[in-house]
Protein backbone atom coordinates (compact mmCIF):
# COMPACT_ATOMS: atom_id res chain seq x y z
CA MET A 1 87.06 39.96 133.85
CA THR A 2 89.22 42.16 136.08
CA ALA A 3 88.34 42.78 139.74
CA LEU A 4 85.68 45.41 140.25
CA GLY A 5 86.84 48.79 141.49
CA PRO A 6 85.50 50.66 144.51
CA THR A 7 81.80 51.34 144.89
CA GLY A 8 79.92 54.39 146.09
CA LEU A 9 76.54 52.64 146.20
CA ALA A 10 75.08 52.07 149.65
CA ASP A 11 72.38 49.81 148.21
CA THR A 12 74.27 46.71 147.04
CA PHE A 13 71.41 45.15 145.02
CA ALA A 14 73.11 45.70 141.66
CA ARG A 15 76.51 44.30 142.60
CA ASP A 16 74.89 41.41 144.43
CA ASN A 17 73.01 40.44 141.25
CA LEU A 18 75.83 40.68 138.72
CA PRO A 19 76.56 37.36 136.99
CA PRO A 20 79.33 35.25 138.52
CA ALA A 21 82.74 36.38 137.32
CA ASP A 22 83.34 33.22 135.28
CA LEU A 23 80.21 33.90 133.23
CA TRP A 24 81.25 37.39 132.13
CA PRO A 25 82.43 38.04 128.59
CA ALA A 26 86.05 38.99 128.10
CA ILE A 27 86.36 42.78 128.56
CA ASP A 28 89.26 44.66 126.94
CA LEU A 29 89.61 48.17 128.33
CA SER A 30 92.87 49.00 126.60
CA GLY A 31 92.41 52.43 125.07
CA PHE A 32 89.69 53.38 127.57
CA ASP A 33 91.27 54.78 130.71
CA TYR A 34 88.94 56.25 133.32
CA PRO A 35 89.57 57.07 136.99
CA ASP A 36 88.35 54.71 139.71
CA TRP A 37 85.74 57.26 140.77
CA LEU A 38 83.53 58.37 137.92
CA ASN A 39 80.00 59.69 137.54
CA ALA A 40 78.87 59.64 133.92
CA ALA A 41 76.17 62.29 134.40
CA GLU A 42 78.65 64.70 135.94
CA GLU A 43 80.95 64.18 132.96
CA LEU A 44 78.12 65.09 130.56
CA THR A 45 77.03 68.26 132.37
CA ASP A 46 79.17 69.92 135.08
CA ARG A 47 82.44 68.88 133.43
CA MET A 48 81.26 70.25 130.09
CA VAL A 49 80.57 73.63 131.71
CA GLU A 50 84.05 73.54 133.27
CA ARG A 51 85.49 72.89 129.81
CA GLY A 52 83.90 76.06 128.43
CA PHE A 53 80.67 74.70 126.86
CA GLY A 54 78.33 76.43 129.33
CA ASP A 55 76.82 78.86 126.80
CA ARG A 56 76.51 76.33 123.99
CA MET A 57 73.17 74.73 123.20
CA ALA A 58 72.68 71.26 124.72
CA LEU A 59 69.00 70.36 124.27
CA ILE A 60 66.16 71.55 122.05
CA GLY A 61 62.63 70.31 122.61
CA ASN A 62 59.05 71.23 123.44
CA GLY A 63 59.59 74.82 122.37
CA ARG A 64 62.65 75.43 124.55
CA ARG A 65 66.40 75.64 124.01
CA ARG A 66 68.70 74.87 126.91
CA THR A 67 72.41 75.55 127.23
CA TYR A 68 74.87 73.28 128.99
CA LYS A 69 74.86 75.64 131.98
CA GLU A 70 71.05 75.57 132.11
CA LEU A 71 71.02 71.77 131.82
CA THR A 72 73.63 71.47 134.59
CA ASP A 73 71.68 73.76 136.92
CA TRP A 74 68.41 72.00 136.13
CA THR A 75 69.78 68.52 136.80
CA ASN A 76 71.47 69.67 140.02
CA ARG A 77 68.18 71.11 141.30
CA LEU A 78 66.40 67.87 140.44
CA ALA A 79 69.11 65.78 142.13
CA ASN A 80 68.84 67.87 145.29
CA ALA A 81 65.08 67.40 145.33
CA LEU A 82 65.32 63.64 144.75
CA VAL A 83 67.76 63.22 147.62
CA GLU A 84 66.35 65.71 150.14
CA ASP A 85 62.61 65.48 149.51
CA PHE A 86 62.11 61.98 148.13
CA GLY A 87 64.83 59.93 149.82
CA LEU A 88 66.85 58.72 146.84
CA LYS A 89 69.83 56.68 148.06
CA PRO A 90 72.87 55.62 145.98
CA GLY A 91 72.15 52.27 144.38
CA MET A 92 68.35 52.55 144.39
CA ARG A 93 66.69 51.64 141.11
CA VAL A 94 64.62 54.48 139.67
CA LEU A 95 62.22 53.88 136.79
CA ILE A 96 61.66 56.76 134.38
CA ARG A 97 58.53 56.81 132.20
CA SER A 98 58.35 59.40 129.46
CA ALA A 99 58.42 60.08 125.76
CA ASN A 100 61.53 61.68 124.25
CA ASN A 101 61.80 65.17 125.70
CA PRO A 102 64.37 67.31 127.56
CA ALA A 103 62.71 66.61 130.92
CA MET A 104 63.35 62.88 130.54
CA VAL A 105 67.03 63.53 129.81
CA ALA A 106 67.22 65.84 132.83
CA CYS A 107 65.64 63.20 135.08
CA TRP A 108 68.02 60.52 133.83
CA LEU A 109 71.02 62.77 134.49
CA ALA A 110 69.74 63.84 137.91
CA VAL A 111 69.14 60.30 139.12
CA THR A 112 72.58 59.25 137.85
CA LYS A 113 74.25 62.21 139.60
CA ALA A 114 72.59 61.13 142.84
CA GLY A 115 73.95 57.59 142.45
CA GLY A 116 70.65 56.04 141.46
CA ILE A 117 70.42 53.27 138.88
CA VAL A 118 68.15 54.32 136.04
CA VAL A 119 65.57 52.06 134.41
CA ASN A 120 64.24 53.93 131.36
CA THR A 121 60.93 52.59 130.05
CA MET A 122 58.79 52.95 126.96
CA PRO A 123 55.78 55.26 127.27
CA MET A 124 53.51 52.70 125.57
CA LEU A 125 54.01 50.02 128.26
CA ARG A 126 50.93 49.18 130.29
CA ALA A 127 50.69 48.50 134.03
CA ALA A 128 51.22 44.73 133.75
CA GLU A 129 54.33 45.20 131.60
CA LEU A 130 55.72 47.85 133.94
CA ALA A 131 55.13 45.49 136.87
CA LYS A 132 57.42 42.84 135.35
CA ILE A 133 60.21 45.41 135.06
CA VAL A 134 59.62 46.74 138.57
CA ASP A 135 59.70 43.21 140.01
CA LYS A 136 62.84 42.20 138.13
CA ALA A 137 64.84 45.28 139.16
CA GLU A 138 63.13 45.72 142.56
CA VAL A 139 62.39 49.32 141.64
CA GLU A 140 61.49 51.49 144.64
CA MET A 141 60.94 54.86 142.94
CA ALA A 142 59.42 55.95 139.64
CA LEU A 143 59.59 59.34 137.92
CA CYS A 144 56.71 59.69 135.50
CA ASP A 145 55.61 62.34 133.04
CA THR A 146 52.25 63.45 134.44
CA ARG A 147 50.64 62.78 131.05
CA LEU A 148 51.46 59.07 131.47
CA MET A 149 50.51 58.59 135.11
CA GLU A 150 47.52 56.26 134.82
CA ASP A 151 49.33 52.96 134.20
CA MET A 152 52.16 53.92 136.55
CA ILE A 153 49.73 54.43 139.42
CA VAL A 154 47.93 51.16 138.68
CA CYS A 155 51.30 49.39 138.69
CA ALA A 156 52.30 50.92 142.03
CA LYS A 157 49.03 50.08 143.78
CA GLU A 158 49.60 46.36 143.37
CA ASN A 159 53.38 46.21 143.74
CA ALA A 160 55.44 45.32 146.78
CA PHE A 161 58.61 47.14 145.69
CA LEU A 162 57.42 50.41 144.14
CA THR A 163 56.64 52.80 147.01
CA LYS A 164 57.09 56.24 145.41
CA VAL A 165 55.67 57.55 142.12
CA ILE A 166 56.72 61.15 141.51
CA GLY A 167 55.32 63.21 138.66
CA PHE A 168 57.34 65.55 136.46
CA ASP A 169 56.17 67.83 133.68
CA GLY A 170 57.41 66.64 130.29
CA THR A 171 56.24 69.84 128.64
CA ALA A 172 57.95 73.22 128.96
CA ASN A 173 55.72 74.31 131.86
CA HIS A 174 57.59 72.56 134.72
CA ASP A 175 54.45 72.35 136.83
CA ALA A 176 54.44 69.02 138.63
CA GLU A 177 55.50 67.61 141.99
CA LEU A 178 59.17 67.03 141.17
CA ASP A 179 59.51 70.31 139.26
CA ARG A 180 58.03 72.37 142.10
CA ALA A 181 60.34 70.73 144.63
CA ALA A 182 63.36 71.35 142.40
CA LEU A 183 62.58 75.06 142.00
CA GLU A 184 63.33 75.56 145.71
CA LYS A 185 66.75 73.90 145.48
CA PRO A 186 70.21 75.35 144.80
CA VAL A 187 71.91 74.89 141.44
CA GLN A 188 74.90 73.30 143.17
CA PHE A 189 74.84 69.60 143.99
CA GLU A 190 77.56 67.42 145.43
CA VAL A 191 77.53 64.64 142.88
CA VAL A 192 77.62 61.19 144.48
CA LYS A 193 81.05 59.62 144.31
CA THR A 194 80.30 56.57 142.20
CA GLY A 195 82.84 54.03 141.00
CA ARG A 196 83.53 53.60 137.31
CA ASP A 197 82.45 49.97 137.83
CA ASP A 198 79.21 50.89 139.59
CA VAL A 199 76.01 50.05 137.72
CA ALA A 200 74.42 53.23 136.35
CA LEU A 201 71.79 51.84 133.97
CA LEU A 202 69.58 48.80 133.63
CA GLY A 203 68.57 48.36 130.01
CA PHE A 204 65.66 46.01 129.41
CA THR A 205 65.87 44.26 126.06
CA SER A 206 63.20 45.25 123.54
CA GLY A 207 62.71 41.69 122.37
CA SER A 208 61.94 40.29 125.79
CA THR A 209 59.00 37.93 126.11
CA GLY A 210 57.93 36.31 129.35
CA ILE A 211 60.37 37.28 132.10
CA PRO A 212 62.21 40.39 130.86
CA LYS A 213 66.00 40.52 130.64
CA ALA A 214 67.82 43.47 132.18
CA THR A 215 71.32 44.33 131.01
CA MET A 216 73.63 45.99 133.54
CA HIS A 217 75.83 48.87 132.41
CA PHE A 218 78.50 50.70 134.40
CA HIS A 219 79.27 54.42 134.51
CA ARG A 220 82.36 53.74 132.40
CA ASP A 221 80.25 51.94 129.77
CA LEU A 222 78.13 55.04 129.14
CA LEU A 223 81.28 56.95 128.24
CA ILE A 224 82.93 54.09 126.33
CA ILE A 225 80.22 53.96 123.67
CA ALA A 226 80.76 57.68 123.02
CA ASP A 227 84.54 57.45 123.10
CA ALA A 228 84.41 54.45 120.73
CA TYR A 229 81.59 54.66 118.18
CA ALA A 230 80.68 58.36 118.37
CA ARG A 231 84.29 59.48 118.21
CA GLU A 232 85.50 57.04 115.57
CA VAL A 233 82.50 56.77 113.26
CA LEU A 234 80.61 60.04 113.76
CA ASP A 235 83.58 62.30 114.61
CA VAL A 236 81.17 64.43 116.66
CA GLN A 237 81.95 68.15 116.75
CA PRO A 238 80.43 70.88 118.97
CA ASP A 239 78.55 72.28 115.96
CA ASP A 240 76.68 69.02 115.37
CA VAL A 241 72.92 68.86 115.91
CA PHE A 242 71.46 65.40 116.56
CA VAL A 243 67.94 64.25 115.73
CA GLY A 244 66.24 60.87 115.59
CA SER A 245 63.33 58.60 116.38
CA PRO A 246 64.60 55.83 118.70
CA PRO A 247 63.14 56.13 122.21
CA LEU A 248 65.51 57.17 124.97
CA ALA A 249 64.25 54.05 126.76
CA PHE A 250 66.31 52.01 124.28
CA THR A 251 70.08 52.19 124.57
CA PHE A 252 70.25 52.98 120.82
CA GLY A 253 68.25 56.14 121.51
CA LEU A 254 69.94 57.03 124.80
CA GLY A 255 73.33 56.88 123.11
CA GLY A 256 72.38 58.60 119.88
CA LEU A 257 70.18 61.34 121.31
CA ALA A 258 71.73 62.06 124.71
CA ILE A 259 75.13 60.55 125.50
CA PHE A 260 76.82 61.18 122.15
CA PRO A 261 75.92 64.86 121.74
CA LEU A 262 76.50 65.73 125.41
CA ARG A 263 79.88 63.98 125.49
CA PHE A 264 81.25 66.28 122.79
CA GLY A 265 79.48 69.58 123.45
CA ALA A 266 76.98 69.12 120.61
CA CYS A 267 73.20 69.62 120.65
CA ALA A 268 70.31 67.12 120.74
CA THR A 269 66.89 67.90 119.27
CA LEU A 270 64.23 65.78 120.98
CA ILE A 271 60.77 65.22 119.53
CA GLU A 272 58.00 63.19 121.16
CA ASN A 273 56.32 62.24 117.89
CA ALA A 274 59.23 61.37 115.62
CA THR A 275 57.36 60.40 112.46
CA PRO A 276 59.37 60.49 109.22
CA PRO A 277 57.71 63.77 108.09
CA ASN A 278 58.50 65.27 111.51
CA LEU A 279 62.12 64.17 111.23
CA ILE A 280 62.38 65.85 107.84
CA GLU A 281 60.87 69.03 109.25
CA ILE A 282 63.24 69.08 112.25
CA ILE A 283 66.31 68.45 110.08
CA HIS A 284 65.21 71.31 107.84
CA LYS A 285 64.31 73.67 110.71
CA TYR A 286 67.31 73.17 112.99
CA LYS A 287 69.91 72.29 110.35
CA ALA A 288 70.48 68.92 111.97
CA THR A 289 73.71 67.18 111.01
CA ILE A 290 73.33 63.65 112.43
CA CYS A 291 70.16 61.55 112.26
CA PHE A 292 69.46 58.25 114.07
CA THR A 293 66.54 56.10 112.95
CA ALA A 294 65.55 52.70 111.55
CA PRO A 295 65.65 51.54 107.90
CA THR A 296 61.86 51.62 107.60
CA ALA A 297 61.89 55.28 108.66
CA TYR A 298 64.50 56.22 106.07
CA ARG A 299 62.37 54.64 103.37
CA ALA A 300 59.33 56.56 104.64
CA MET A 301 61.39 59.77 104.75
CA LEU A 302 62.26 59.28 101.10
CA SER A 303 58.56 59.03 100.28
CA ALA A 304 57.79 62.16 102.31
CA MET A 305 60.49 64.36 100.79
CA ASN A 306 59.37 67.20 98.56
CA GLU A 307 61.16 69.77 96.45
CA GLY A 308 61.04 72.50 99.10
CA VAL A 309 62.83 70.50 101.80
CA ASP A 310 66.51 71.23 102.39
CA LEU A 311 68.42 68.35 103.98
CA SER A 312 71.84 69.61 102.94
CA SER A 313 72.84 70.17 106.59
CA LEU A 314 72.70 66.42 107.26
CA ARG A 315 76.21 64.99 107.11
CA ILE A 316 75.52 61.56 108.65
CA ALA A 317 72.48 59.28 108.64
CA VAL A 318 72.82 56.34 111.06
CA SER A 319 70.76 53.18 110.72
CA ALA A 320 70.50 50.32 113.21
CA GLY A 321 67.89 48.14 114.86
CA GLU A 322 67.62 45.91 111.80
CA THR A 323 69.52 45.53 108.56
CA LEU A 324 69.48 48.34 106.00
CA PRO A 325 68.32 47.00 102.60
CA ALA A 326 70.59 48.00 99.71
CA PRO A 327 67.69 49.57 97.70
CA VAL A 328 66.98 51.98 100.57
CA PHE A 329 70.68 52.86 100.80
CA ASP A 330 70.94 53.41 97.05
CA GLU A 331 67.83 55.60 96.86
CA TRP A 332 68.98 57.69 99.85
CA VAL A 333 72.38 58.30 98.26
CA LYS A 334 70.69 59.19 94.97
CA ARG A 335 68.34 61.70 96.64
CA THR A 336 70.67 63.25 99.25
CA GLY A 337 74.19 62.61 98.02
CA LYS A 338 75.09 61.19 101.47
CA PRO A 339 75.38 57.56 102.60
CA ILE A 340 73.42 55.92 105.40
CA LEU A 341 75.88 54.31 107.83
CA ASP A 342 74.46 50.91 108.71
CA GLY A 343 75.61 49.29 111.92
CA ILE A 344 74.66 46.65 114.45
CA GLY A 345 74.38 47.02 118.18
CA ALA A 346 72.58 45.26 121.01
CA THR A 347 71.13 46.24 124.36
CA GLU A 348 73.55 43.71 125.87
CA MET A 349 76.47 45.58 124.22
CA LEU A 350 74.87 48.97 124.97
CA HIS A 351 75.35 50.36 121.45
CA ILE A 352 76.81 49.80 117.96
CA PHE A 353 79.94 47.64 117.69
CA ILE A 354 80.15 46.95 113.92
CA SER A 355 79.59 49.79 111.48
CA ASN A 356 80.23 51.30 108.12
CA ARG A 357 82.29 54.51 108.06
CA LEU A 358 82.01 57.67 105.97
CA THR A 359 85.27 56.70 104.28
CA ASP A 360 84.51 52.98 104.09
CA TYR A 361 80.97 51.80 103.34
CA LYS A 362 79.13 49.34 101.14
CA PRO A 363 75.42 48.98 100.37
CA GLY A 364 73.89 45.86 101.91
CA CYS A 365 76.83 45.54 104.31
CA THR A 366 77.05 46.11 108.08
CA GLY A 367 80.72 47.06 108.01
CA LYS A 368 83.71 46.25 110.20
CA PRO A 369 84.19 46.11 114.00
CA LEU A 370 85.01 49.32 115.81
CA THR A 371 88.51 49.82 117.14
CA GLY A 372 88.79 47.84 120.37
CA TYR A 373 86.20 45.25 119.31
CA GLU A 374 86.64 41.81 117.74
CA ALA A 375 84.01 39.86 115.83
CA LYS A 376 83.86 36.42 114.23
CA VAL A 377 81.31 34.04 112.72
CA VAL A 378 81.00 30.71 114.53
CA ASP A 379 79.03 27.48 114.49
CA GLU A 380 76.93 26.12 117.37
CA ASN A 381 80.11 24.81 119.06
CA MET A 382 81.88 28.20 118.84
CA ASN A 383 84.21 27.03 116.06
CA GLU A 384 85.08 29.87 113.68
CA LEU A 385 83.63 29.31 110.22
CA PRO A 386 85.35 29.93 106.87
CA ARG A 387 84.89 33.34 105.27
CA GLY A 388 81.67 33.58 103.31
CA THR A 389 79.84 31.03 105.48
CA VAL A 390 76.71 32.07 107.35
CA GLY A 391 76.87 31.40 111.07
CA ARG A 392 76.40 32.98 114.47
CA LEU A 393 77.92 36.38 115.21
CA ALA A 394 80.24 36.50 118.23
CA VAL A 395 81.78 39.75 119.47
CA ARG A 396 83.86 41.05 122.36
CA GLY A 397 85.38 44.37 123.35
CA PRO A 398 85.31 47.04 126.09
CA VAL A 399 81.63 46.40 126.93
CA GLY A 400 79.65 43.18 127.18
CA CYS A 401 76.61 41.33 128.42
CA ARG A 402 75.89 41.21 132.13
CA TYR A 403 72.30 40.15 132.77
CA LEU A 404 70.69 40.98 136.09
CA ALA A 405 70.31 37.66 137.95
CA ASP A 406 69.33 35.69 134.85
CA TYR A 407 70.02 32.09 133.84
CA ARG A 408 70.13 33.23 130.20
CA GLN A 409 73.60 34.71 130.80
CA THR A 410 75.10 31.37 129.72
CA GLU A 411 73.14 31.48 126.46
CA TYR A 412 74.43 34.92 125.46
CA VAL A 413 78.03 34.65 126.70
CA ARG A 414 80.04 31.66 125.57
CA ASP A 415 83.81 31.17 125.94
CA GLY A 416 84.18 34.87 126.74
CA TRP A 417 82.32 36.01 123.60
CA ASN A 418 78.94 37.72 123.32
CA VAL A 419 76.82 35.65 120.92
CA THR A 420 74.24 38.13 119.72
CA GLY A 421 71.59 35.89 118.17
CA ASP A 422 72.30 37.21 114.66
CA ALA A 423 73.33 35.20 111.61
CA PHE A 424 76.16 36.82 109.64
CA ASN A 425 78.88 36.05 107.20
CA GLU A 426 82.29 37.69 106.95
CA ASP A 427 83.69 38.24 103.46
CA GLU A 428 87.32 37.89 102.37
CA GLU A 429 87.97 41.59 103.04
CA GLY A 430 86.74 41.44 106.63
CA TYR A 431 83.34 43.09 106.08
CA PHE A 432 80.39 41.62 107.95
CA HIS A 433 77.08 40.99 106.18
CA PHE A 434 73.81 40.40 108.03
CA ALA A 435 71.80 37.33 107.00
CA ALA A 436 68.98 37.15 109.56
CA ARG A 437 68.26 36.77 113.21
CA ASN A 438 69.19 33.20 114.08
CA ASP A 439 65.54 32.36 114.76
CA ASP A 440 64.42 34.05 111.52
CA MET A 441 66.39 31.85 109.12
CA ILE A 442 63.99 30.06 106.78
CA VAL A 443 64.74 26.45 105.85
CA SER A 444 62.76 25.49 102.73
CA ALA A 445 63.29 22.15 100.97
CA GLY A 446 66.77 21.96 102.51
CA TYR A 447 67.79 25.49 101.47
CA ASN A 448 68.70 28.15 104.05
CA ILE A 449 67.02 31.41 103.05
CA ALA A 450 67.65 34.72 104.80
CA GLY A 451 64.47 36.76 104.98
CA PRO A 452 66.21 40.18 104.72
CA GLU A 453 67.69 39.21 101.36
CA VAL A 454 64.20 38.51 100.01
CA GLU A 455 62.95 41.76 101.53
CA ALA A 456 65.71 43.70 99.79
CA ALA A 457 64.74 42.14 96.46
CA LEU A 458 61.08 43.07 96.98
CA LEU A 459 61.94 46.61 98.06
CA SER A 460 63.78 47.18 94.80
CA HIS A 461 60.41 47.06 93.00
CA PRO A 462 58.54 50.39 92.81
CA PHE A 463 55.25 48.75 93.84
CA VAL A 464 56.62 47.87 97.31
CA ARG A 465 56.61 50.51 100.02
CA GLU A 466 57.43 48.18 102.93
CA CYS A 467 57.67 44.44 103.45
CA ALA A 468 58.53 41.73 105.94
CA VAL A 469 59.41 38.13 105.15
CA ILE A 470 58.95 35.10 107.41
CA GLY A 471 58.93 31.33 107.07
CA VAL A 472 55.61 29.50 107.39
CA THR A 473 55.04 25.79 107.82
CA ASP A 474 54.55 23.78 104.63
CA GLU A 475 53.94 20.05 104.50
CA ALA A 476 55.99 19.45 101.37
CA ARG A 477 58.91 21.83 101.95
CA GLY A 478 59.03 22.16 105.73
CA GLN A 479 58.74 25.91 105.33
CA ILE A 480 58.02 28.33 102.53
CA VAL A 481 58.87 31.99 102.22
CA LYS A 482 55.93 34.28 102.90
CA ALA A 483 56.03 38.05 102.34
CA TYR A 484 53.79 40.64 103.93
CA VAL A 485 53.77 43.63 101.60
CA VAL A 486 52.61 47.21 102.01
CA LEU A 487 52.03 48.43 98.47
CA SER A 488 52.85 51.85 97.11
CA GLU A 489 49.97 54.20 96.42
CA HIS A 490 49.25 53.25 92.81
CA ALA A 491 49.73 49.47 93.04
CA ILE A 492 46.68 47.19 93.03
CA PRO A 493 46.48 44.40 95.67
CA ALA A 494 45.52 41.60 93.28
CA GLU A 495 46.84 38.30 91.95
CA PRO A 496 48.61 39.87 88.93
CA THR A 497 50.63 41.99 91.37
CA VAL A 498 51.56 38.86 93.35
CA GLU A 499 52.85 37.21 90.19
CA LEU A 500 54.70 40.35 89.12
CA LEU A 501 56.53 40.60 92.44
CA GLN A 502 57.37 36.90 92.46
CA LEU A 503 58.89 37.16 88.98
CA HIS A 504 60.82 40.25 90.07
CA VAL A 505 62.37 38.42 93.03
CA LYS A 506 63.28 35.42 90.85
CA ALA A 507 65.05 37.78 88.45
CA THR A 508 66.88 39.58 91.28
CA ILE A 509 68.15 36.74 93.50
CA ALA A 510 68.29 32.93 93.28
CA PRO A 511 64.83 31.76 92.14
CA TYR A 512 64.39 29.24 94.99
CA LYS A 513 64.28 32.18 97.44
CA TYR A 514 61.17 33.79 95.96
CA PRO A 515 58.10 34.23 98.22
CA ARG A 516 55.66 31.46 97.39
CA ALA A 517 53.02 33.33 99.41
CA ILE A 518 52.42 37.09 99.41
CA GLU A 519 49.87 38.85 101.60
CA PHE A 520 49.07 42.52 101.11
CA VAL A 521 48.63 44.49 104.34
CA LYS A 522 47.97 48.14 105.16
CA GLU A 523 50.82 48.33 107.68
CA LEU A 524 53.44 46.20 109.40
CA PRO A 525 53.69 45.74 113.17
CA LYS A 526 56.61 47.75 114.55
CA THR A 527 58.24 48.74 117.80
CA GLU A 528 58.35 52.41 118.80
CA SER A 529 61.85 52.58 117.37
CA GLY A 530 60.58 51.46 113.96
CA LYS A 531 61.84 47.88 114.08
CA ILE A 532 59.52 45.43 112.33
CA GLN A 533 58.07 42.87 114.75
CA ARG A 534 58.28 39.74 112.63
CA PHE A 535 57.36 37.55 115.59
CA ARG A 536 53.87 39.07 115.51
CA LEU A 537 53.49 38.03 111.88
CA LYS A 538 54.32 34.47 112.91
CA GLN A 539 51.58 34.36 115.53
CA PRO A 540 48.36 32.64 114.43
CA ALA A 541 45.41 34.94 113.89
CA CYS A 542 42.84 34.73 116.66
């Protein structure tokens, strides 16, 4: 870790709660040169207008189209209101609660311009869950879509830190407290002089249980993920139109649906209810070129496609959040003629760091590290394993894990490497292949079985619409493989179907990996971003 640069944050909470320097991962900023003073939100708005993008479309959503000049003016008005009317000070943590819409993006940019530290949250969180986040980050101010106020108000009533809850209108009407205050403000705002090493975003990990983990990301980090992944893999052009389902509250969504398009003068289409049929409709309607969503959504999109839908505008489909099964990849290529680019990222790393490329991709493969990143597969003692051996994935590069005041920093960062919690193997050509989450590996009668491999085998059968595989306790074998299967429309949930699927898996992969138990379900538990929640399948039924 190099010494931190100057700070423009009067409230020192974030810097005071960074991990000790010796617990940071190694950070390599070669190839990423930013000035000492940098405000990421200014770079994505005012600077884009200065560069001649003012009349180009920036955001589409809720029946409105907004140019870069309109977005810049809007966010400057909001920033003025937040500072002058509501007392936002540089370094204060500001929680934002909203579904994916242009107003949420505008609030995020406005808070960042004013030097606030944004905490984006999922709209489905309830008051008790919000309270844990507020307590961890000592959040003083919340901006909330008025349609989602109930739980936010309950949270504030019983919280010692949260003193201001300000409503904004997530629809196109702009008729709420913050919006009305902003209408009276000028379109010029003196952006707070923040340091490139000042914390701009606290990302709470989606998998958190108990005390939540908050990852700390600098202004420079928000630009690095665009200047690395979006430039190298997506080659974003001003004519690109982005669409996707991941919530902006997740760093996968914030990057893919806000930072990446705005960094390169492209356009983001934001939809609050991003079901697979809706994604298809939006791609068709707005001629979207880049789509971000999860593997389960791509499979559902394939089922929802009909002859009248034109997806020819789509040049890149990006998949992350969990591994992309080869059968889904193959069917997508067959139907659209375009590959899905699988990749892996983490909230701790802010976004994708290993990916396939348009010119270099393989089905059932996660790809190679981005330029500026290194990855290796290690054992529990951080010794690098031979190629082809499954072990723990370790990665380092220009971004890395910095937990907010959390003892778990030493679990994620070891010897300067970020150890992501994923089991991978690296082949002889340097491609990385996902095996499972470390805690999802199934050990049955001494064999290590990766659940995603069994899932891919099941998904290659036409009777299977979706599936999830876990290990369950077995007296004789320690664990056995159990599959939860959502059947296709014409399949019958009966014992002959169980036997048929078991025989299919045995014929597709090594027979010892077949699911000895199969349970048919109507749907699988998922996060809002479409990631299957296997931990819920492991919980005993009440």
